[in-house]
Amino acid sequence: MQNTYFPSKNVISLSVCNHNQANAIIETVVVPKIQLIAEQRSDMIEKLSVTEEIDSLKGRISTLENVVKTHTTQISELKKSTIIKIRTSGLQGGVRHPVLCI
């Protein structure tokens, strides 16, 4: 019965040969593929960072749009109110210019 924990000399020389072949395959095939994956990952991280920044800006733009709409409505209401006050005040003291009542 052969001891499975201590391989024979033939198996050791075969494993050294296979080890060298494995190293060659790792250097020529595996390492370049790992480098390509790493490059793609870094590109994805950059794109993700840009995407997160864009999402943040979209939120800020939405807020600004809402504020502009609100302010536009308020300005319009103030203008209407001012025009109504000018019309109701009429001309005062014979002056030909309307009095602006705010």
Protein backbone atom coordinates (compact mmCIF):
# COMPACT_ATOMS: atom_id res chain seq x y z
CA MET A 1 0.00 0.00 0.00
CA GLN A 2 1.39 3.35 -1.04
CA ASN A 3 1.45 6.26 1.38
CA THR A 4 -0.79 9.00 -0.03
CA TYR A 5 0.73 11.72 2.14
CA PHE A 6 4.23 11.33 0.68
CA PRO A 7 4.08 11.00 -3.11
CA SER A 8 6.72 9.09 -4.99
CA LYS A 9 9.63 10.82 -6.79
CA ASN A 10 7.91 10.45 -10.17
CA VAL A 11 4.87 12.30 -8.95
CA ILE A 12 7.05 15.08 -7.50
CA SER A 13 8.93 15.62 -10.80
CA LEU A 14 5.61 15.60 -12.65
CA SER A 15 4.15 18.13 -10.24
CA VAL A 16 7.18 20.43 -10.70
CA CYS A 17 6.65 20.31 -14.45
CA ASN A 18 2.95 21.01 -14.02
CA HIS A 19 3.80 23.79 -11.57
CA ASN A 20 5.98 25.52 -14.19
CA GLN A 21 3.27 25.13 -16.80
CA ALA A 22 0.71 26.47 -14.37
CA ASN A 23 2.90 29.50 -13.66
CA ALA A 24 3.27 30.14 -17.38
CA ILE A 25 -0.48 29.94 -17.88
CA ILE A 26 -1.09 32.22 -14.91
CA GLU A 27 1.35 34.81 -16.23
CA THR A 28 0.13 34.77 -19.82
CA VAL A 29 -3.60 34.21 -19.41
CA VAL A 30 -4.85 34.79 -15.89
CA VAL A 31 -2.90 37.91 -14.89
CA PRO A 32 -3.87 39.93 -18.00
CA LYS A 33 -7.52 39.00 -17.47
CA ILE A 34 -7.34 40.05 -13.82
CA GLN A 35 -5.77 43.36 -14.88
CA LEU A 36 -8.57 43.88 -17.41
CA ILE A 37 -11.18 43.19 -14.74
CA ALA A 38 -9.46 45.65 -12.39
CA GLU A 39 -9.46 48.35 -15.10
CA GLN A 40 -13.13 47.75 -15.85
CA ARG A 41 -13.93 47.90 -12.15
CA SER A 42 -12.18 51.24 -11.74
CA ASP A 43 -14.08 52.57 -14.77
CA MET A 44 -17.34 51.38 -13.21
CA ILE A 45 -16.48 53.06 -9.91
CA GLU A 46 -15.79 56.35 -11.73
CA LYS A 47 -19.09 56.09 -13.61
CA LEU A 48 -20.92 55.28 -10.38
CA SER A 49 -19.39 58.33 -8.73
CA VAL A 50 -20.51 60.52 -11.63
CA THR A 51 -23.98 58.95 -11.53
CA GLU A 52 -24.32 59.66 -7.81
CA GLU A 53 -23.22 63.26 -8.39
CA ILE A 54 -25.76 63.65 -11.22
CA ASP A 55 -28.53 62.26 -9.00
CA SER A 56 -27.59 64.75 -6.31
CA LEU A 57 -27.66 67.60 -8.82
CA LYS A 58 -31.04 66.46 -10.16
CA GLY A 59 -32.45 66.76 -6.65
CA ARG A 60 -31.01 70.22 -6.20
CA ILE A 61 -32.30 71.35 -9.61
CA SER A 62 -35.77 70.03 -8.79
CA THR A 63 -35.74 72.02 -5.55
CA LEU A 64 -34.62 75.17 -7.37
CA GLU A 65 -37.34 74.72 -10.01
CA ASN A 66 -39.99 74.46 -7.30
CA VAL A 67 -38.67 77.57 -5.55
CA VAL A 68 -38.67 79.50 -8.85
CA LYS A 69 -42.28 78.45 -9.53
CA THR A 70 -43.31 79.54 -6.03
CA HIS A 71 -41.52 82.87 -6.34
CA THR A 72 -42.96 83.46 -9.82
CA THR A 73 -46.46 82.87 -8.46
CA GLN A 74 -45.83 85.19 -5.51
CA ILE A 75 -44.42 87.92 -7.77
CA SER A 76 -47.40 87.60 -10.10
CA GLU A 77 -49.81 87.92 -7.15
CA LEU A 78 -47.93 90.95 -5.84
CA LYS A 79 -48.08 92.60 -9.28
CA LYS A 80 -51.83 91.97 -9.50
CA SER A 81 -52.30 93.36 -6.00
CA THR A 82 -50.25 96.44 -6.84
CA ILE A 83 -52.18 97.07 -10.07
CA ILE A 84 -55.49 96.78 -8.22
CA LYS A 85 -54.29 99.29 -5.60
CA ILE A 86 -53.16 101.70 -8.31
CA ARG A 87 -56.54 101.50 -10.07
CA THR A 88 -58.54 101.96 -6.89
CA SER A 89 -56.43 104.88 -5.65
CA GLY A 90 -57.03 106.97 -8.77
CA LEU A 91 -55.23 110.24 -9.29
CA GLN A 92 -54.44 112.16 -6.15
CA GLY A 93 -54.22 115.92 -5.81
CA GLY A 94 -54.51 116.61 -9.51
CA VAL A 95 -51.25 114.78 -10.18
CA ARG A 96 -51.31 113.05 -13.53
CA HIS A 97 -49.23 110.10 -12.29
CA PRO A 98 -50.85 107.19 -10.51
CA VAL A 99 -49.87 106.68 -6.89
CA LEU A 100 -48.23 103.35 -6.22
CA CYS A 101 -49.63 101.91 -3.01
CA ILE A 102 -47.75 98.89 -1.83
